[in-house]
Protein backbone atom coordinates (compact mmCIF):
# COMPACT_ATOMS: atom_id res chain seq x y z
CA MET A 1 105.24 134.01 93.05
CA THR A 2 102.52 136.35 91.80
CA LEU A 3 99.67 136.10 89.32
CA ASP A 4 98.42 139.15 87.48
CA SER A 5 94.81 139.67 86.41
CA LYS A 6 95.44 138.39 82.89
CA GLN A 7 96.94 135.13 84.16
CA ARG A 8 94.12 134.61 86.66
CA THR A 9 91.47 135.31 84.03
CA GLN A 10 93.06 132.75 81.72
CA ILE A 11 93.19 130.13 84.47
CA LEU A 12 89.50 130.60 85.26
CA ARG A 13 88.59 130.48 81.56
CA THR A 14 90.56 127.26 81.13
CA ILE A 15 88.95 125.61 84.14
CA LYS A 16 85.44 126.42 82.88
CA LYS A 17 86.25 124.83 79.52
CA LEU A 18 87.81 121.75 81.10
CA VAL A 19 84.85 121.19 83.41
CA ARG A 20 82.35 121.34 80.56
CA ALA A 21 84.46 119.09 78.36
CA HIS A 22 85.64 116.41 80.78
CA HIS A 23 83.97 116.45 84.21
CA ILE A 24 81.83 113.41 85.07
CA ASN A 25 78.64 114.89 86.48
CA VAL A 26 77.48 112.14 88.86
CA ALA A 27 75.98 114.71 91.25
CA GLY A 28 73.74 116.30 88.60
CA VAL A 29 75.25 119.77 88.88
CA ASP A 30 73.82 122.49 86.62
CA TYR A 31 76.92 123.57 84.68
CA ASP A 32 75.33 126.79 83.42
CA ALA A 33 74.56 127.85 86.98
CA TRP A 34 78.06 126.82 88.09
CA VAL A 35 79.70 128.90 85.34
CA GLU A 36 77.54 131.86 86.37
CA ARG A 37 78.85 131.50 89.93
CA VAL A 38 82.42 131.41 88.63
CA ASP A 39 81.80 134.56 86.62
CA GLY A 40 80.11 136.19 89.59
CA ARG A 41 83.16 135.62 91.79
CA THR A 42 85.78 136.45 89.19
CA LYS A 43 86.15 140.09 90.24
CA GLU A 44 86.73 139.01 93.84
CA LEU A 45 89.26 136.35 92.78
CA LEU A 46 91.19 138.81 90.61
CA ALA A 47 91.57 141.19 93.56
CA ALA A 48 92.47 138.55 96.18
CA ASP A 49 95.97 137.75 97.33
CA LEU A 50 97.51 134.55 95.92
CA ALA A 51 96.32 132.34 98.78
CA GLY A 52 92.82 133.78 98.48
CA PHE A 53 92.76 133.14 94.74
CA GLU A 54 93.84 129.52 95.17
CA SER A 55 91.37 128.79 97.98
CA GLY A 56 88.59 130.53 96.02
CA VAL A 57 89.18 128.31 93.00
CA ARG A 58 89.14 125.24 95.25
CA ASP A 59 85.84 126.37 96.75
CA LEU A 60 84.34 126.64 93.26
CA LEU A 61 85.58 123.17 92.33
CA ALA A 62 84.06 121.82 95.55
CA GLU A 63 80.67 123.00 94.28
CA LEU A 64 80.90 120.32 91.57
CA LYS A 65 80.16 117.91 94.44
CA THR A 66 82.54 115.19 93.34
CA SER A 67 85.68 113.68 94.78
CA HIS A 68 89.02 113.76 92.96
CA THR A 69 88.93 117.52 92.29
CA ALA A 70 91.96 119.66 93.07
CA PHE A 71 93.70 122.90 92.09
CA TYR A 72 97.38 123.10 92.77
CA HIS A 73 100.70 124.50 91.64
CA SER A 74 103.52 122.24 90.47
CA LEU A 75 104.63 121.73 94.10
CA PRO A 76 101.41 121.87 96.12
CA LYS A 77 101.17 122.39 99.85
CA GLU A 78 97.53 121.36 100.24
CA LEU A 79 97.88 117.58 100.03
CA PRO A 80 96.41 114.99 102.39
CA PRO A 81 98.85 113.41 104.87
CA GLN A 82 98.49 110.01 103.18
CA HIS A 83 100.04 111.49 100.03
CA THR A 84 102.95 113.20 101.80
CA ILE A 85 103.91 111.63 105.14
CA ASN A 86 102.05 108.34 104.43
CA ALA A 87 99.74 108.54 107.42
CA SER A 88 96.05 109.30 108.00
CA LEU A 89 94.55 111.33 110.82
CA ARG A 90 91.31 111.09 112.79
CA ASP A 91 89.40 113.91 114.47
CA LEU A 92 89.37 112.83 118.12
CA SER A 93 87.81 114.25 121.29
CA LEU A 94 90.39 114.05 124.05
CA SER A 95 89.82 115.59 127.50
CA ASP A 96 87.02 117.74 126.04
CA GLN A 97 89.34 119.02 123.31
CA ARG A 98 89.44 118.13 119.63
CA LYS A 99 92.75 116.65 118.53
CA TRP A 100 94.25 115.02 115.47
CA MET A 101 95.19 111.40 116.14
CA PHE A 102 97.41 109.40 113.80
CA LEU A 103 95.29 106.48 112.62
CA ASP A 104 97.00 104.63 109.75
CA VAL A 105 100.80 104.84 109.53
CA PHE A 106 102.16 103.17 106.41
CA GLU A 107 105.23 100.98 106.73
CA ASP A 108 108.49 102.66 105.69
CA GLY A 109 106.80 106.01 104.91
CA PRO A 110 108.10 109.37 106.22
CA ALA A 111 105.94 109.22 109.38
CA ASP A 112 106.89 105.64 110.14
CA ARG A 113 110.60 106.33 109.67
CA VAL A 114 110.59 109.04 112.38
CA GLY A 115 108.79 106.81 114.87
CA ILE A 116 105.20 108.05 114.64
CA LYS A 117 102.74 105.34 115.69
CA PRO A 118 98.95 104.88 115.41
CA GLY A 119 97.36 106.52 118.44
CA ASP A 120 99.90 109.36 118.66
CA ILE A 121 98.47 112.87 118.92
CA LEU A 122 99.55 115.76 116.67
CA GLU A 123 99.70 118.84 118.90
CA ALA A 124 101.44 121.36 116.62
CA LEU A 125 102.86 121.74 113.13
CA ASP A 126 105.76 124.10 112.39
CA GLY A 127 105.23 125.98 115.64
CA ALA A 128 101.46 126.50 115.24
CA ALA A 129 98.85 124.68 117.30
CA CYS A 130 97.11 122.02 115.24
CA SER A 131 93.54 120.91 115.92
CA PRO A 132 90.34 120.08 114.00
CA PRO A 133 88.54 121.15 111.94
CA ALA A 134 91.54 122.76 110.19
CA ALA A 135 93.38 119.89 108.49
CA PRO A 136 97.20 119.92 108.67
CA SER A 137 99.04 120.21 105.36
CA PHE A 138 102.48 118.85 104.56
CA ALA A 139 104.33 120.20 101.53
CA ILE A 140 106.18 118.12 98.96
CA GLY A 141 109.94 118.64 99.24
CA HIS A 142 109.74 120.39 102.63
CA THR A 143 110.93 119.63 106.16
CA HIS A 144 108.35 120.04 108.92
CA THR A 145 108.60 120.15 112.70
CA LEU A 146 105.86 118.31 114.56
CA LEU A 147 104.94 118.30 118.22
CA VAL A 148 103.66 114.80 118.94
CA ALA A 149 102.33 113.32 122.17
CA LYS A 150 102.98 109.61 122.25
CA GLY A 151 99.57 108.09 122.68
CA GLY A 152 98.31 111.37 124.09
CA LYS A 153 99.72 110.40 127.48
CA ALA A 154 103.36 111.47 127.61
CA SER A 155 104.67 115.00 127.26
CA PRO A 156 104.77 116.13 123.61
CA LYS A 157 107.99 115.48 121.76
CA GLU A 158 109.40 117.47 118.84
CA ILE A 159 109.80 115.40 115.68
CA VAL A 160 111.37 116.59 112.43
CA ILE A 161 109.93 114.95 109.34
CA GLU A 162 111.16 115.28 105.75
CA VAL A 163 108.73 115.04 102.85
CA PRO A 164 110.65 113.90 99.75
CA MET A 165 110.49 115.82 96.49
CA ARG A 166 108.14 114.16 94.02
CA LYS A 167 106.76 115.28 90.67
CA GLY A 168 103.23 114.74 89.46
CA THR A 169 102.07 113.09 86.26
CA LYS A 170 98.97 113.40 84.12
CA GLN A 171 97.40 110.59 86.13
CA ARG A 172 98.23 111.82 89.63
CA PRO A 173 99.39 114.95 91.47
CA PRO A 174 102.78 115.05 93.21
CA MET A 175 102.77 112.48 96.00
CA VAL A 176 105.02 110.26 98.04
CA GLU A 177 103.92 106.79 96.98
CA PRO A 178 103.61 104.48 99.98
CA LYS A 179 104.94 100.95 100.08
CA SER A 180 101.98 99.36 98.34
CA LEU A 181 101.97 95.83 99.70
CA VAL A 182 103.14 94.00 102.81
CA HIS A 183 102.29 90.39 103.55
CA ALA A 184 102.77 88.09 106.52
CA LYS A 185 101.44 84.95 108.13
CA THR A 186 99.48 85.69 111.29
CA GLY A 187 98.31 82.77 113.38
CA ARG A 188 98.37 79.12 112.43
CA ASP A 189 96.88 79.35 108.93
CA ILE A 190 95.90 82.99 108.39
CA GLY A 191 97.60 85.10 105.74
CA LEU A 192 97.62 88.89 105.91
CA LEU A 193 97.81 91.27 102.95
CA LYS A 194 98.23 94.93 103.94
CA ILE A 195 97.61 97.03 100.82
CA THR A 196 97.90 100.82 101.02
CA TYR A 197 98.06 101.68 97.31
CA PHE A 198 97.52 100.22 93.84
CA PRO A 199 100.47 101.77 91.96
CA GLY A 200 100.65 102.35 88.21
CA ALA A 201 97.78 103.07 85.84
CA THR A 202 97.90 99.55 84.37
CA GLY A 203 98.76 97.82 87.65
CA MET A 204 101.15 95.30 86.11
CA GLU A 205 103.94 95.84 88.64
CA PHE A 206 101.47 95.53 91.53
CA THR A 207 100.02 92.40 89.95
CA ASN A 208 103.44 90.74 89.97
CA ALA A 209 104.05 91.75 93.60
CA LEU A 210 100.62 90.46 94.65
CA ASP A 211 101.20 87.15 92.87
CA ARG A 212 104.47 86.66 94.75
CA ALA A 213 102.84 87.52 98.08
CA VAL A 214 99.87 85.18 97.54
CA ASN A 215 102.11 82.33 96.41
CA ASP A 216 104.29 82.78 99.49
CA LEU A 217 101.25 82.67 101.78
CA LYS A 218 99.96 79.54 100.04
CA GLN A 219 103.35 77.87 100.47
CA GLN A 220 103.02 78.63 104.18
CA GLU A 221 99.68 76.75 104.08
CA CYS A 222 97.48 79.79 104.74
CA ARG A 223 93.87 78.71 104.28
CA ARG A 224 92.35 81.96 105.53
CA LEU A 225 93.07 85.49 104.38
CA ILE A 226 92.78 88.98 105.88
CA VAL A 227 93.02 91.83 103.37
CA ASP A 228 93.73 95.09 105.19
CA LEU A 229 92.62 98.06 103.04
CA ARG A 230 92.48 100.62 105.84
CA GLY A 231 93.92 103.95 104.76
CA ASN A 232 94.32 102.76 101.16
CA ILE A 233 94.60 105.80 98.87
CA GLY A 234 93.38 104.04 95.71
CA GLY A 235 95.36 103.90 92.48
CA GLY A 236 95.22 102.03 89.18
CA LEU A 237 93.93 98.79 87.70
CA GLY A 238 95.91 96.53 90.04
CA PHE A 239 92.81 96.37 92.24
CA ALA A 240 91.25 94.00 89.68
CA ARG A 241 93.98 91.41 90.35
CA LEU A 242 93.12 91.48 94.04
CA ALA A 243 89.42 91.05 93.20
CA SER A 244 90.33 88.15 90.90
CA TYR A 245 91.94 86.27 93.80
CA MET A 246 88.63 86.37 95.67
CA CYS A 247 86.67 84.18 93.24
CA PRO A 248 87.49 81.33 90.82
CA GLY A 249 85.74 82.52 87.65
CA LYS A 250 85.26 85.60 85.48
CA ILE A 251 82.52 87.70 87.05
CA PRO A 252 81.72 91.44 86.93
CA ILE A 253 83.62 93.69 89.34
CA GLY A 254 81.80 96.83 88.25
CA HIS A 255 81.65 99.22 85.32
CA SER A 256 83.24 102.48 84.27
CA LEU A 257 81.19 105.23 82.67
CA THR A 258 82.28 108.20 80.59
CA PRO A 259 80.51 111.58 80.77
CA ARG A 260 78.92 110.99 77.36
CA ARG A 261 77.53 107.57 78.30
CA LEU A 262 76.27 108.94 81.62
CA ARG A 263 74.23 111.55 79.74
CA GLU A 264 72.67 108.84 77.59
CA THR A 265 70.38 105.97 78.48
CA TYR A 266 72.36 102.78 78.95
CA LYS A 267 72.02 99.31 80.41
CA PRO A 268 74.93 97.92 82.46
CA GLU A 269 74.39 94.44 81.02
CA ALA A 270 74.82 95.82 77.49
CA LEU A 271 78.29 97.26 78.14
CA PRO A 272 81.32 95.44 76.68
CA ARG A 273 82.52 92.79 79.16
CA VAL A 274 86.29 93.04 79.54
CA PRO A 275 88.42 90.82 81.79
CA MET A 276 91.33 92.60 83.45
CA PRO A 277 94.37 91.86 81.20
CA ARG A 278 96.84 89.36 82.66
CA SER A 279 99.93 90.54 80.78
CA GLN A 280 101.40 93.57 79.02
CA ALA A 281 100.53 92.00 75.66
CA GLU A 282 96.89 91.47 76.67
CA LEU A 283 96.78 95.02 78.00
CA LEU A 284 98.03 96.48 74.71
CA PHE A 285 95.46 94.41 72.81
CA THR A 286 92.66 95.59 75.11
CA LEU A 287 93.72 99.23 74.81
CA ALA A 288 93.78 98.89 71.03
CA ARG A 289 90.23 97.51 71.01
CA PHE A 290 88.87 100.48 72.93
CA ALA A 291 91.18 103.24 71.70
CA VAL A 292 88.53 104.94 69.58
CA ARG A 293 85.42 103.73 71.38
CA ASP A 294 83.57 105.02 74.36
CA LYS A 295 85.55 103.58 77.26
CA SER A 296 82.50 102.57 79.29
CA VAL A 297 83.07 98.87 80.05
CA MET A 298 82.08 96.16 82.50
CA LEU A 299 85.32 94.99 84.11
CA LEU A 300 85.54 91.28 84.88
CA THR A 301 87.81 89.26 87.13
CA GLN A 302 90.47 87.14 85.45
CA GLY A 303 89.39 83.61 86.33
CA LEU A 304 92.38 82.55 88.44
CA GLY A 305 90.69 79.35 89.65
CA GLU A 306 90.07 77.99 93.13
CA GLN A 307 92.22 79.33 95.97
CA PRO A 308 92.67 77.67 99.39
CA PHE A 309 91.32 80.76 101.15
CA HIS A 310 88.11 81.13 99.15
CA LYS A 311 85.04 81.64 101.40
CA ARG A 312 87.45 82.38 104.27
CA ILE A 313 88.36 86.01 103.51
CA VAL A 314 88.03 89.05 105.77
CA VAL A 315 88.46 92.59 104.40
CA LEU A 316 89.35 95.44 106.77
CA VAL A 317 88.20 98.97 105.85
CA ASN A 318 87.90 102.36 107.54
CA GLU A 319 86.95 105.96 106.79
CA TRP A 320 90.23 106.47 104.89
CA THR A 321 89.70 103.53 102.53
CA ASN A 322 89.47 105.26 99.15
CA SER A 323 88.67 104.78 95.47
CA ALA A 324 90.01 101.51 93.98
CA ALA A 325 90.09 99.91 97.44
CA GLU A 326 86.38 100.68 97.80
CA MET A 327 85.75 98.98 94.47
CA VAL A 328 87.37 95.81 95.81
CA ALA A 329 85.54 95.97 99.13
CA ASN A 330 82.18 96.47 97.41
CA PHE A 331 82.87 93.65 94.96
CA ALA A 332 83.63 91.28 97.83
CA ALA A 333 80.56 92.37 99.78
CA GLU A 334 78.18 92.39 96.80
CA ASN A 335 79.13 88.83 95.85
CA GLY A 336 79.40 87.41 99.38
CA LEU A 337 83.09 86.66 98.91
CA ALA A 338 84.38 88.19 102.15
CA THR A 339 83.29 89.55 105.51
CA ILE A 340 83.83 93.33 105.62
CA VAL A 341 85.04 94.57 109.02
CA GLY A 342 85.71 98.07 110.35
CA LYS A 343 84.14 101.42 109.45
CA LYS A 344 82.31 102.76 106.39
CA THR A 345 84.64 103.71 103.54
CA ARG A 346 85.26 107.19 102.16
CA GLY A 347 82.93 107.20 99.14
CA ASN A 348 85.56 108.70 96.80
CA VAL A 349 85.17 106.49 93.74
CA LEU A 350 85.84 108.28 90.47
CA GLY A 351 88.63 108.16 87.90
CA ALA A 352 90.53 111.43 87.51
CA VAL A 353 93.06 113.12 85.24
CA ASN A 354 95.24 116.20 85.78
CA PHE A 355 95.00 119.04 83.25
CA LYS A 356 97.26 122.06 82.82
CA ALA A 357 95.43 125.23 83.83
CA GLY A 358 98.18 127.73 83.02
CA SER A 359 100.94 129.64 84.85
CA GLY A 360 102.25 126.43 86.42
CA TYR A 361 98.86 125.40 87.84
CA TRP A 362 97.01 122.16 87.39
CA VAL A 363 93.37 121.21 87.87
CA ARG A 364 92.41 117.64 88.73
CA LEU A 365 88.99 116.51 87.53
CA PRO A 366 87.12 113.20 87.66
CA VAL A 367 86.60 112.07 84.06
CA PHE A 368 84.79 108.78 84.48
CA GLY A 369 82.46 107.28 87.02
CA TRP A 370 82.57 103.87 88.66
CA PHE A 371 79.43 101.88 89.34
CA THR A 372 78.95 98.48 90.92
CA SER A 373 77.95 95.49 88.82
CA LYS A 374 74.39 96.19 90.03
CA GLY A 375 74.55 99.77 88.71
CA ARG A 376 74.94 101.53 92.09
CA SER A 377 77.29 104.49 92.44
CA LEU A 378 79.74 104.33 95.34
CA GLU A 379 80.60 108.03 94.99
CA GLY A 380 79.41 109.77 98.15
CA ASN A 381 78.03 106.48 99.48
CA GLY A 382 80.97 104.26 100.36
CA VAL A 383 80.87 100.65 101.50
CA ASP A 384 79.30 99.63 104.81
CA PRO A 385 81.02 96.91 106.86
CA ASN A 386 79.21 93.66 107.64
CA VAL A 387 80.75 93.85 111.11
CA PRO A 388 81.19 97.45 112.34
CA VAL A 389 84.15 97.79 114.71
CA GLU A 390 85.31 101.08 116.19
CA ILE A 391 88.92 101.86 117.02
CA SER A 392 89.58 102.63 120.66
CA ALA A 393 92.03 105.52 120.91
CA ASN A 394 93.32 104.31 124.27
CA ALA A 395 93.77 100.76 123.02
CA LEU A 396 95.47 101.98 119.86
CA ALA A 397 97.88 104.08 121.92
CA ASP A 398 98.80 100.92 123.80
CA GLY A 399 99.46 99.07 120.55
CA GLN A 400 96.13 97.20 120.46
CA ASP A 401 94.29 97.20 117.12
CA ASP A 402 90.67 96.27 117.94
CA GLN A 403 89.66 96.01 114.29
CA MET A 404 92.48 93.60 113.47
CA ILE A 405 91.73 91.54 116.57
CA ARG A 406 88.10 91.16 115.47
CA ALA A 407 89.18 90.31 111.91
CA VAL A 408 91.39 87.50 113.18
CA GLU A 409 88.55 86.17 115.37
CA ILE A 410 86.18 86.12 112.37
CA ALA A 411 88.77 84.51 110.10
CA LYS A 412 89.25 81.67 112.60
CA GLU A 413 85.49 81.03 112.58
CA LEU A 414 85.17 80.81 108.78
């Protein structure tokens, strides 16, 4: 495809308007200065080839200094591996060379289905050598050929992986949704919840799946719980149901903030206190209450009562724990409801919406901020573990998950 100067000019004009109207400015960016930089680079962007235009727009959006910004066509190629092949990658030094190691591989995702395991090394993608800092990109609706060394020890093997065709929505760009929830009993009385995604804006479907999983674990007499949020890509309001299972009453999880409220003086304790709705009917009632108001609210847990695993919860996180999963991890840590194990989370904690930018392009912008119940922003900060545990690449290649082993040890001691 091609874009002429008129189309490019219109896209840039639209993006400037959208940023001023909707962007949540948690980094304190000077919008006037940012617009001047856009205008100053417009001539260069109009003359660039298509790839140069797209990357130039992304560079300008990066100067807003917030997560959840993107510029993409209807079928983007520049998507993170978690959103396409359902796997995360870590920059690893191996034999004095930087390599990409598969870290989280989501059950039943494209990577898992072709046999890729945590600890495997990505040597090449579609015939080109692949190494940090350049991040590999997998395109929606495409077939890719990977050269993968099993655990970095054996000779590389060629693997063909298909990324399914998926369309985006206003709430999210095109992505292959991972299997959101897996549960199992591990050990004598320890339940495990592996959660990679909180699907759906309202989270009702996830809520029902989580209820079934928790009830099954309780029937198996699980009195301790490990919640594995490593690699979690975030999602919708279903995270509040998970937070609600961590405490008996209705207490603050954190608060959302619109751009207008952020510009004004406000007190977190003065925000409307809203429990996460338990049903579709409650959700519709809640939406009706706030349809014409500023949507800055203090979100509360649901008051699910005492659970057999209360005060015996461990939450696993890593550098690819994102967004809604960070909200849960912080809530648990801030209220002393769980022991957080692993590595510091990503610090990508904003709510975003996709807007049409013209000529088949979309721009994704964060439109509300998320702050802890104490008023602290997690954006750019993340959540620190109570018990830091590093992943050993060699151990991972041999099938040993050091972070999970430590989580089980801690759970047994609670």
